[in-house]
């Protein structure tokens, strides 16, 4: 049976060598994240409350901008009987052709 994970390498030693090279190239630790101090729970909650306030302000602005605007009815909602008539007519004409 062929080991598909080692496909493309002549020997298991070559595969191990390739994996060792990949490990050397990959960073062990992201330096940007390691330098930051952990945020306390109170700070996280305060940040979430601030974000919630910002979102509420954006929703209020959107509601203010769309006040008085009604949703336009779609074509099917305006004349539902027209769709029924078109379907019946199409069915009749196709039946006559066949």
PDB file of N, CA and C in Angstrom:
ATOM      1  N   UNK A   1       0.839  -1.166   0.000  1.00  0.00           N
ATOM      2  CA  UNK A   1       0.000   0.000   0.000  1.00  0.00           C
ATOM      3  C   UNK A   1       0.890   1.237   0.000  1.00  0.00           C
ATOM      4  N   UNK A   2       0.508   2.258  -0.747  1.00  0.00           N
ATOM      5  CA  UNK A   2       1.293   3.487  -0.862  1.00  0.00           C
ATOM      6  C   UNK A   2       0.896   4.454   0.253  1.00  0.00           C
ATOM      7  N   UNK A   3       1.898   5.035   0.883  1.00  0.00           N
ATOM      8  CA  UNK A   3       1.653   6.030   1.909  1.00  0.00           C
ATOM      9  C   UNK A   3       1.540   7.376   1.211  1.00  0.00           C
ATOM     10  N   UNK A   4       0.304   7.897   1.089  1.00  0.00           N
ATOM     11  CA  UNK A   4       0.093   9.113   0.303  1.00  0.00           C
ATOM     12  C   UNK A   4       0.674  10.349   0.984  1.00  0.00           C
ATOM     13  N   UNK A   5       0.902  10.295   2.280  1.00  0.00           N
ATOM     14  CA  UNK A   5       1.466  11.446   2.978  1.00  0.00           C
ATOM     15  C   UNK A   5       2.920  11.668   2.583  1.00  0.00           C
ATOM     16  N   UNK A   6       3.616  10.638   2.161  1.00  0.00           N
ATOM     17  CA  UNK A   6       5.032  10.749   1.788  1.00  0.00           C
ATOM     18  C   UNK A   6       5.209  10.829   0.280  1.00  0.00           C
ATOM     19  N   UNK A   7       4.117  10.995  -0.436  1.00  0.00           N
ATOM     20  CA  UNK A   7       4.192  11.037  -1.887  1.00  0.00           C
ATOM     21  C   UNK A   7       5.014  12.245  -2.330  1.00  0.00           C
ATOM     22  N   UNK A   8       5.875  12.066  -3.294  1.00  0.00           N
ATOM     23  CA  UNK A   8       6.712  13.132  -3.805  1.00  0.00           C
ATOM     24  C   UNK A   8       8.114  13.106  -3.222  1.00  0.00           C
ATOM     25  N   UNK A   9       8.362  12.236  -2.248  1.00  0.00           N
ATOM     26  CA  UNK A   9       9.680  12.105  -1.651  1.00  0.00           C
ATOM     27  C   UNK A   9      10.216  10.720  -1.983  1.00  0.00           C
ATOM     28  N   UNK A  10      11.527  10.663  -2.229  1.00  0.00           N
ATOM     29  CA  UNK A  10      12.141   9.392  -2.607  1.00  0.00           C
ATOM     30  C   UNK A  10      12.254   8.432  -1.434  1.00  0.00           C
ATOM     31  N   UNK A  11      12.449   8.969  -0.238  1.00  0.00           N
ATOM     32  CA  UNK A  11      12.631   8.102   0.925  1.00  0.00           C
ATOM     33  C   UNK A  11      12.059   8.787   2.164  1.00  0.00           C
ATOM     34  N   UNK A  12      11.811   8.007   3.210  1.00  0.00           N
ATOM     35  CA  UNK A  12      11.339   8.598   4.459  1.00  0.00           C
ATOM     36  C   UNK A  12      12.363   9.583   5.048  1.00  0.00           C
ATOM     37  N   UNK A  13      13.637   9.366   4.794  1.00  0.00           N
ATOM     38  CA  UNK A  13      14.666  10.278   5.298  1.00  0.00           C
ATOM     39  C   UNK A  13      14.524  11.650   4.641  1.00  0.00           C
ATOM     40  N   UNK A  14      14.226  11.655   3.356  1.00  0.00           N
ATOM     41  CA  UNK A  14      14.044  12.920   2.646  1.00  0.00           C
ATOM     42  C   UNK A  14      12.810  13.661   3.193  1.00  0.00           C
ATOM     43  N   UNK A  15      11.764  12.928   3.518  1.00  0.00           N
ATOM     44  CA  UNK A  15      10.566  13.512   4.101  1.00  0.00           C
ATOM     45  C   UNK A  15      10.884  14.128   5.460  1.00  0.00           C
ATOM     46  N   UNK A  16      11.627  13.390   6.305  1.00  0.00           N
ATOM     47  CA  UNK A  16      12.001  13.916   7.622  1.00  0.00           C
ATOM     48  C   UNK A  16      12.852  15.169   7.491  1.00  0.00           C
ATOM     49  N   UNK A  17      13.747  15.187   6.514  1.00  0.00           N
ATOM     50  CA  UNK A  17      14.594  16.351   6.282  1.00  0.00           C
ATOM     51  C   UNK A  17      13.742  17.566   5.882  1.00  0.00           C
ATOM     52  N   UNK A  18      12.765  17.328   5.025  1.00  0.00           N
ATOM     53  CA  UNK A  18      11.872  18.407   4.593  1.00  0.00           C
ATOM     54  C   UNK A  18      11.068  18.952   5.776  1.00  0.00           C
ATOM     55  N   UNK A  19      10.547  18.064   6.600  1.00  0.00           N
ATOM     56  CA  UNK A  19       9.777  18.492   7.767  1.00  0.00           C
ATOM     57  C   UNK A  19      10.649  19.260   8.747  1.00  0.00           C
ATOM     58  N   UNK A  20      11.884  18.858   8.908  1.00  0.00           N
ATOM     59  CA  UNK A  20      12.806  19.572   9.799  1.00  0.00           C
ATOM     60  C   UNK A  20      13.067  20.985   9.279  1.00  0.00           C
ATOM     61  N   UNK A  21      13.213  21.134   7.964  1.00  0.00           N
ATOM     62  CA  UNK A  21      13.403  22.456   7.371  1.00  0.00           C
ATOM     63  C   UNK A  21      12.179  23.344   7.609  1.00  0.00           C
ATOM     64  N   UNK A  22      10.998  22.768   7.480  1.00  0.00           N
ATOM     65  CA  UNK A  22       9.785  23.539   7.713  1.00  0.00           C
ATOM     66  C   UNK A  22       9.686  24.007   9.155  1.00  0.00           C
ATOM     67  N   UNK A  23      10.075  23.161  10.088  1.00  0.00           N
ATOM     68  CA  UNK A  23      10.039  23.531  11.499  1.00  0.00           C
ATOM     69  C   UNK A  23      11.021  24.643  11.801  1.00  0.00           C
ATOM     70  N   UNK A  24      12.172  24.640  11.159  1.00  0.00           N
ATOM     71  CA  UNK A  24      13.165  25.686  11.377  1.00  0.00           C
ATOM     72  C   UNK A  24      12.670  27.028  10.856  1.00  0.00           C
ATOM     73  N   UNK A  25      11.933  27.006   9.738  1.00  0.00           N
ATOM     74  CA  UNK A  25      11.461  28.232   9.126  1.00  0.00           C
ATOM     75  C   UNK A  25      10.276  28.834   9.866  1.00  0.00           C
ATOM     76  N   UNK A  26       9.463  28.012  10.503  1.00  0.00           N
ATOM     77  CA  UNK A  26       8.256  28.525  11.146  1.00  0.00           C
ATOM     78  C   UNK A  26       8.603  29.210  12.457  1.00  0.00           C
ATOM     79  N   UNK A  27       7.972  30.353  12.721  1.00  0.00           N
ATOM     80  CA  UNK A  27       8.247  31.039  13.979  1.00  0.00           C
ATOM     81  C   UNK A  27       7.632  30.271  15.141  1.00  0.00           C
ATOM     82  N   UNK A  28       8.363  30.220  16.228  1.00  0.00           N
ATOM     83  CA  UNK A  28       7.898  29.495  17.399  1.00  0.00           C
ATOM     84  C   UNK A  28       6.794  30.273  18.091  1.00  0.00           C
ATOM     85  N   UNK A  29       6.963  31.587  18.141  1.00  0.00           N
ATOM     86  CA  UNK A  29       6.031  32.422  18.879  1.00  0.00           C
ATOM     87  C   UNK A  29       5.834  33.718  18.113  1.00  0.00           C
ATOM     88  N   UNK A  30       4.624  34.211  18.063  1.00  0.00           N
ATOM     89  CA  UNK A  30       4.369  35.489  17.410  1.00  0.00           C
ATOM     90  C   UNK A  30       4.770  36.588  18.380  1.00  0.00           C
ATOM     91  N   UNK A  31       5.771  37.364  18.036  1.00  0.00           N
ATOM     92  CA  UNK A  31       6.314  38.359  18.953  1.00  0.00           C
ATOM     93  C   UNK A  31       5.315  39.467  19.260  1.00  0.00           C
ATOM     94  N   UNK A  32       4.415  39.786  18.348  1.00  0.00           N
ATOM     95  CA  UNK A  32       3.444  40.844  18.582  1.00  0.00           C
ATOM     96  C   UNK A  32       2.455  40.491  19.665  1.00  0.00           C
ATOM     97  N   UNK A  33       2.050  39.251  19.731  1.00  0.00           N
ATOM     98  CA  UNK A  33       1.072  38.819  20.719  1.00  0.00           C
ATOM     99  C   UNK A  33       1.735  38.616  22.083  1.00  0.00           C
ATOM    100  N   UNK A  34       2.969  38.154  22.107  1.00  0.00           N
ATOM    101  CA  UNK A  34       3.638  37.842  23.364  1.00  0.00           C
ATOM    102  C   UNK A  34       3.953  39.101  24.162  1.00  0.00           C
ATOM    103  N   UNK A  35       4.126  40.258  23.509  1.00  0.00           N
ATOM    104  CA  UNK A  35       4.492  41.481  24.204  1.00  0.00           C
ATOM    105  C   UNK A  35       3.297  42.152  24.881  1.00  0.00           C
ATOM    106  N   UNK A  36       2.083  41.845  24.442  1.00  0.00           N
ATOM    107  CA  UNK A  36       0.904  42.489  24.995  1.00  0.00           C
ATOM    108  C   UNK A  36       0.557  41.925  26.365  1.00  0.00           C
ATOM    109  N   UNK A  37       0.105  42.828  27.246  1.00  0.00           N
ATOM    110  CA  UNK A  37      -0.338  42.388  28.563  1.00  0.00           C
ATOM    111  C   UNK A  37      -1.759  41.865  28.442  1.00  0.00           C
ATOM    112  N   UNK A  38      -2.106  40.856  29.211  1.00  0.00           N
ATOM    113  CA  UNK A  38      -3.475  40.352  29.147  1.00  0.00           C
ATOM    114  C   UNK A  38      -4.456  41.418  29.654  1.00  0.00           C
ATOM    115  N   UNK A  39      -5.610  41.486  29.024  1.00  0.00           N
ATOM    116  CA  UNK A  39      -6.626  42.473  29.377  1.00  0.00           C
ATOM    117  C   UNK A  39      -7.497  41.881  30.477  1.00  0.00           C
ATOM    118  N   UNK A  40      -7.785  42.691  31.484  1.00  0.00           N
ATOM    119  CA  UNK A  40      -8.617  42.212  32.586  1.00  0.00           C
ATOM    120  C   UNK A  40     -10.063  42.062  32.127  1.00  0.00           C
ATOM    121  N   UNK A  41     -10.821  41.326  32.897  1.00  0.00           N
ATOM    122  CA  UNK A  41     -12.221  41.090  32.563  1.00  0.00           C
ATOM    123  C   UNK A  41     -13.001  42.396  32.580  1.00  0.00           C
ATOM    124  N   UNK A  42     -12.695  43.278  33.519  1.00  0.00           N
ATOM    125  CA  UNK A  42     -13.390  44.561  33.592  1.00  0.00           C
ATOM    126  C   UNK A  42     -13.122  45.403  32.354  1.00  0.00           C
ATOM    127  N   UNK A  43     -11.890  45.366  31.857  1.00  0.00           N
ATOM    128  CA  UNK A  43     -11.547  46.124  30.656  1.00  0.00           C
ATOM    129  C   UNK A  43     -12.252  45.548  29.434  1.00  0.00           C
ATOM    130  N   UNK A  44     -12.347  44.234  29.380  1.00  0.00           N
ATOM    131  CA  UNK A  44     -13.046  43.598  28.260  1.00  0.00           C
ATOM    132  C   UNK A  44     -14.529  43.956  28.282  1.00  0.00           C
ATOM    133  N   UNK A  45     -15.125  43.948  29.482  1.00  0.00           N
ATOM    134  CA  UNK A  45     -16.545  44.289  29.599  1.00  0.00           C
ATOM    135  C   UNK A  45     -16.769  45.743  29.216  1.00  0.00           C
ATOM    136  N   UNK A  46     -15.874  46.633  29.658  1.00  0.00           N
ATOM    137  CA  UNK A  46     -16.002  48.050  29.304  1.00  0.00           C
ATOM    138  C   UNK A  46     -15.888  48.242  27.798  1.00  0.00           C
ATOM    139  N   UNK A  47     -14.982  47.512  27.164  1.00  0.00           N
ATOM    140  CA  UNK A  47     -14.830  47.610  25.711  1.00  0.00           C
ATOM    141  C   UNK A  47     -16.083  47.102  25.001  1.00  0.00           C
ATOM    142  N   UNK A  48     -16.672  46.033  25.511  1.00  0.00           N
ATOM    143  CA  UNK A  48     -17.898  45.502  24.907  1.00  0.00           C
ATOM    144  C   UNK A  48     -19.061  46.474  25.072  1.00  0.00           C
ATOM    145  N   UNK A  49     -19.162  47.112  26.239  1.00  0.00           N
ATOM    146  CA  UNK A  49     -20.220  48.108  26.451  1.00  0.00           C
ATOM    147  C   UNK A  49     -20.040  49.278  25.490  1.00  0.00           C
ATOM    148  N   UNK A  50     -18.811  49.705  25.271  1.00  0.00           N
ATOM    149  CA  UNK A  50     -18.542  50.800  24.340  1.00  0.00           C
ATOM    150  C   UNK A  50     -18.922  50.407  22.922  1.00  0.00           C
ATOM    151  N   UNK A  51     -18.584  49.187  22.541  1.00  0.00           N
ATOM    152  CA  UNK A  51     -18.937  48.700  21.213  1.00  0.00           C
ATOM    153  C   UNK A  51     -20.447  48.616  21.051  1.00  0.00           C
ATOM    154  N   UNK A  52     -21.147  48.172  22.101  1.00  0.00           N
ATOM    155  CA  UNK A  52     -22.604  48.099  22.072  1.00  0.00           C
ATOM    156  C   UNK A  52     -23.210  49.492  21.911  1.00  0.00           C
ATOM    157  N   UNK A  53     -22.673  50.479  22.615  1.00  0.00           N
ATOM    158  CA  UNK A  53     -23.165  51.853  22.496  1.00  0.00           C
ATOM    159  C   UNK A  53     -22.947  52.370  21.077  1.00  0.00           C
ATOM    160  N   UNK A  54     -21.796  52.075  20.496  1.00  0.00           N
ATOM    161  CA  UNK A  54     -21.520  52.492  19.120  1.00  0.00           C
ATOM    162  C   UNK A  54     -22.504  51.856  18.142  1.00  0.00           C
ATOM    163  N   UNK A  55     -22.785  50.570  18.329  1.00  0.00           N
ATOM    164  CA  UNK A  55     -23.728  49.878  17.444  1.00  0.00           C
ATOM    165  C   UNK A  55     -25.135  50.442  17.583  1.00  0.00           C
ATOM    166  N   UNK A  56     -25.530  50.753  18.830  1.00  0.00           N
ATOM    167  CA  UNK A  56     -26.856  51.349  19.033  1.00  0.00           C
ATOM    168  C   UNK A  56     -26.948  52.704  18.342  1.00  0.00           C
ATOM    169  N   UNK A  57     -25.881  53.490  18.408  1.00  0.00           N
ATOM    170  CA  UNK A  57     -25.877  54.796  17.742  1.00  0.00           C
ATOM    171  C   UNK A  57     -25.991  54.622  16.229  1.00  0.00           C
ATOM    172  N   UNK A  58     -25.304  53.634  15.677  1.00  0.00           N
ATOM    173  CA  UNK A  58     -25.384  53.395  14.233  1.00  0.00           C
ATOM    174  C   UNK A  58     -26.778  52.954  13.819  1.00  0.00           C
ATOM    175  N   UNK A  59     -27.417  52.087  14.622  1.00  0.00           N
ATOM    176  CA  UNK A  59     -28.775  51.633  14.319  1.00  0.00           C
ATOM    177  C   UNK A  59     -29.740  52.809  14.385  1.00  0.00           C
ATOM    178  N   UNK A  60     -29.583  53.677  15.393  1.00  0.00           N
ATOM    179  CA  UNK A  60     -30.455  54.853  15.506  1.00  0.00           C
ATOM    180  C   UNK A  60     -30.286  55.764  14.295  1.00  0.00           C
ATOM    181  N   UNK A  61     -29.057  55.945  13.827  1.00  0.00           N
ATOM    182  CA  UNK A  61     -28.808  56.771  12.650  1.00  0.00           C
ATOM    183  C   UNK A  61     -29.460  56.172  11.410  1.00  0.00           C
ATOM    184  N   UNK A  62     -29.345  54.870  11.250  1.00  0.00           N
ATOM    185  CA  UNK A  62     -29.957  54.204  10.095  1.00  0.00           C
ATOM    186  C   UNK A  62     -31.474  54.321  10.155  1.00  0.00           C
ATOM    187  N   UNK A  63     -32.036  54.140  11.353  1.00  0.00           N
ATOM    188  CA  UNK A  63     -33.498  54.272  11.488  1.00  0.00           C
ATOM    189  C   UNK A  63     -33.948  55.691  11.167  1.00  0.00           C
ATOM    190  N   UNK A  64     -33.160  56.682  11.600  1.00  0.00           N
ATOM    191  CA  UNK A  64     -33.493  58.078  11.335  1.00  0.00           C
ATOM    192  C   UNK A  64     -33.457  58.351   9.831  1.00  0.00           C
ATOM    193  N   UNK A  65     -32.467  57.793   9.145  1.00  0.00           N
ATOM    194  CA  UNK A  65     -32.342  58.015   7.703  1.00  0.00           C
ATOM    195  C   UNK A  65     -33.456  57.337   6.918  1.00  0.00           C
ATOM    196  N   UNK A  66     -33.970  56.232   7.425  1.00  0.00           N
ATOM    197  CA  UNK A  66     -34.992  55.485   6.691  1.00  0.00           C
ATOM    198  C   UNK A  66     -36.398  55.747   7.196  1.00  0.00           C
ATOM    199  N   UNK A  67     -36.569  56.730   8.089  1.00  0.00           N
ATOM    200  CA  UNK A  67     -37.903  57.070   8.583  1.00  0.00           C
ATOM    201  C   UNK A  67     -38.784  57.527   7.432  1.00  0.00           C
ATOM    202  N   UNK A  68     -40.007  57.036   7.403  1.00  0.00           N
ATOM    203  CA  UNK A  68     -40.945  57.439   6.371  1.00  0.00           C
ATOM    204  C   UNK A  68     -40.810  56.660   5.085  1.00  0.00           C
ATOM    205  N   UNK A  69     -39.757  55.878   4.968  1.00  0.00           N
ATOM    206  CA  UNK A  69     -39.589  55.070   3.765  1.00  0.00           C
ATOM    207  C   UNK A  69     -40.266  53.726   3.976  1.00  0.00           C
ATOM    208  N   UNK A  70     -41.206  53.423   3.155  1.00  0.00           N
ATOM    209  CA  UNK A  70     -41.852  52.123   3.239  1.00  0.00           C
ATOM    210  C   UNK A  70     -41.144  51.148   2.332  1.00  0.00           C
ATOM    211  N   UNK A  71     -41.241  49.912   2.656  1.00  0.00           N
ATOM    212  CA  UNK A  71     -40.650  48.887   1.805  1.00  0.00           C
ATOM    213  C   UNK A  71     -41.482  48.792   0.534  1.00  0.00           C
ATOM    214  N   UNK A  72     -40.810  48.854  -0.602  1.00  0.00           N
ATOM    215  CA  UNK A  72     -41.510  48.749  -1.864  1.00  0.00           C
ATOM    216  C   UNK A  72     -41.999  47.320  -2.041  1.00  0.00           C
ATOM    217  N   UNK A  73     -43.259  47.158  -2.360  1.00  0.00           N
ATOM    218  CA  UNK A  73     -43.755  45.802  -2.571  1.00  0.00           C
ATOM    219  C   UNK A  73     -43.149  45.215  -3.833  1.00  0.00           C
ATOM    220  N   UNK A  74     -42.861  43.947  -3.773  1.00  0.00           N
ATOM    221  CA  UNK A  74     -42.305  43.295  -4.947  1.00  0.00           C
ATOM    222  C   UNK A  74     -43.398  43.116  -5.998  1.00  0.00           C
ATOM    223  N   UNK A  75     -42.985  42.854  -7.203  1.00  0.00           N
ATOM    224  CA  UNK A  75     -43.926  42.730  -8.311  1.00  0.00           C
ATOM    225  C   UNK A  75     -44.932  41.609  -8.060  1.00  0.00           C
ATOM    226  N   UNK A  76     -44.489  40.529  -7.429  1.00  0.00           N
ATOM    227  CA  UNK A  76     -45.387  39.409  -7.169  1.00  0.00           C
ATOM    228  C   UNK A  76     -46.411  39.726  -6.098  1.00  0.00           C
ATOM    229  N   UNK A  77     -46.054  40.624  -5.168  1.00  0.00           N
ATOM    230  CA  UNK A  77     -46.982  40.980  -4.102  1.00  0.00           C
ATOM    231  C   UNK A  77     -48.058  41.943  -4.580  1.00  0.00           C
ATOM    232  N   UNK A  78     -47.741  42.768  -5.598  1.00  0.00           N
ATOM    233  CA  UNK A  78     -48.699  43.746  -6.093  1.00  0.00           C
ATOM    234  C   UNK A  78     -49.836  43.043  -6.833  1.00  0.00           C
ATOM    235  N   UNK A  79     -49.499  42.132  -7.713  1.00  0.00           N
ATOM    236  CA  UNK A  79     -50.506  41.441  -8.525  1.00  0.00           C
ATOM    237  C   UNK A  79     -50.287  39.925  -8.470  1.00  0.00           C
ATOM    238  N   UNK A  80     -50.651  39.278  -7.384  1.00  0.00           N
ATOM    239  CA  UNK A  80     -50.435  37.823  -7.323  1.00  0.00           C
ATOM    240  C   UNK A  80     -51.307  37.077  -8.334  1.00  0.00           C
ATOM    241  N   UNK A  81     -52.454  37.636  -8.665  1.00  0.00           N
ATOM    242  CA  UNK A  81     -53.333  36.986  -9.623  1.00  0.00           C
ATOM    243  C   UNK A  81     -52.721  36.968 -11.023  1.00  0.00           C
ATOM    244  N   UNK A  82     -51.844  37.959 -11.309  1.00  0.00           N
ATOM    245  CA  UNK A  82     -51.203  38.032 -12.613  1.00  0.00           C
ATOM    246  C   UNK A  82     -50.276  36.836 -12.827  1.00  0.00           C
ATOM    247  N   UNK A  83     -49.587  36.425 -11.765  1.00  0.00           N
ATOM    248  CA  UNK A  83     -48.715  35.246 -11.874  1.00  0.00           C
ATOM    249  C   UNK A  83     -49.525  33.991 -12.138  1.00  0.00           C
ATOM    250  N   UNK A  84     -50.687  33.874 -11.478  1.00  0.00           N
ATOM    251  CA  UNK A  84     -51.543  32.706 -11.692  1.00  0.00           C
ATOM    252  C   UNK A  84     -52.044  32.690 -13.128  1.00  0.00           C
ATOM    253  N   UNK A  85     -52.466  33.837 -13.630  1.00  0.00           N
ATOM    254  CA  UNK A  85     -52.957  33.933 -15.000  1.00  0.00           C
ATOM    255  C   UNK A  85     -51.864  33.587 -16.003  1.00  0.00           C
ATOM    256  N   UNK A  86     -50.634  34.089 -15.777  1.00  0.00           N
ATOM    257  CA  UNK A  86     -49.523  33.802 -16.684  1.00  0.00           C
ATOM    258  C   UNK A  86     -49.191  32.315 -16.675  1.00  0.00           C
ATOM    259  N   UNK A  87     -49.207  31.695 -15.508  1.00  0.00           N
ATOM    260  CA  UNK A  87     -48.924  30.263 -15.418  1.00  0.00           C
ATOM    261  C   UNK A  87     -49.993  29.449 -16.135  1.00  0.00           C
ATOM    262  N   UNK A  88     -51.245  29.800 -15.935  1.00  0.00           N
ATOM    263  CA  UNK A  88     -52.334  29.067 -16.587  1.00  0.00           C
ATOM    264  C   UNK A  88     -52.265  29.227 -18.104  1.00  0.00           C
ATOM    265  N   UNK A  89     -51.986  30.436 -18.571  1.00  0.00           N
ATOM    266  CA  UNK A  89     -51.896  30.681 -20.010  1.00  0.00           C
ATOM    267  C   UNK A  89     -50.739  29.907 -20.627  1.00  0.00           C
ATOM    268  N   UNK A  90     -49.599  29.917 -19.975  1.00  0.00           N
ATOM    269  CA  UNK A  90     -48.438  29.190 -20.475  1.00  0.00           C
ATOM    270  C   UNK A  90     -48.720  27.696 -20.529  1.00  0.00           C
ATOM    271  N   UNK A  91     -49.358  27.184 -19.502  1.00  0.00           N
ATOM    272  CA  UNK A  91     -49.697  25.753 -19.478  1.00  0.00           C
ATOM    273  C   UNK A  91     -50.655  25.404 -20.614  1.00  0.00           C
ATOM    274  N   UNK A  92     -51.645  26.243 -20.825  1.00  0.00           N
ATOM    275  CA  UNK A  92     -52.607  25.990 -21.902  1.00  0.00           C
ATOM    276  C   UNK A  92     -51.925  26.011 -23.266  1.00  0.00           C
ATOM    277  N   UNK A  93     -51.073  27.016 -23.501  1.00  0.00           N
ATOM    278  CA  UNK A  93     -50.429  27.130 -24.804  1.00  0.00           C
ATOM    279  C   UNK A  93     -49.468  25.952 -25.042  1.00  0.00           C
ATOM    280  N   UNK A  94     -48.721  25.557 -24.026  1.00  0.00           N
ATOM    281  CA  UNK A  94     -47.823  24.411 -24.187  1.00  0.00           C
ATOM    282  C   UNK A  94     -48.611  23.128 -24.413  1.00  0.00           C
ATOM    283  N   UNK A  95     -49.757  23.019 -23.760  1.00  0.00           N
ATOM    284  CA  UNK A  95     -50.609  21.836 -23.974  1.00  0.00           C
ATOM    285  C   UNK A  95     -51.139  21.789 -25.384  1.00  0.00           C
ATOM    286  N   UNK A  96     -51.492  22.922 -25.927  1.00  0.00           N
ATOM    287  CA  UNK A  96     -52.007  22.956 -27.306  1.00  0.00           C
ATOM    288  C   UNK A  96     -50.902  22.622 -28.309  1.00  0.00           C
ATOM    289  N   UNK A  97     -49.650  23.071 -28.028  1.00  0.00           N
ATOM    290  CA  UNK A  97     -48.550  22.781 -28.935  1.00  0.00           C
ATOM    291  C   UNK A  97     -48.209  21.296 -28.953  1.00  0.00           C
ATOM    292  N   UNK A  98     -48.260  20.691 -27.813  1.00  0.00           N
ATOM    293  CA  UNK A  98     -47.910  19.271 -27.717  1.00  0.00           C
ATOM    294  C   UNK A  98     -49.040  18.456 -28.278  1.00  0.00           C
TER     295      UNK A  98
END
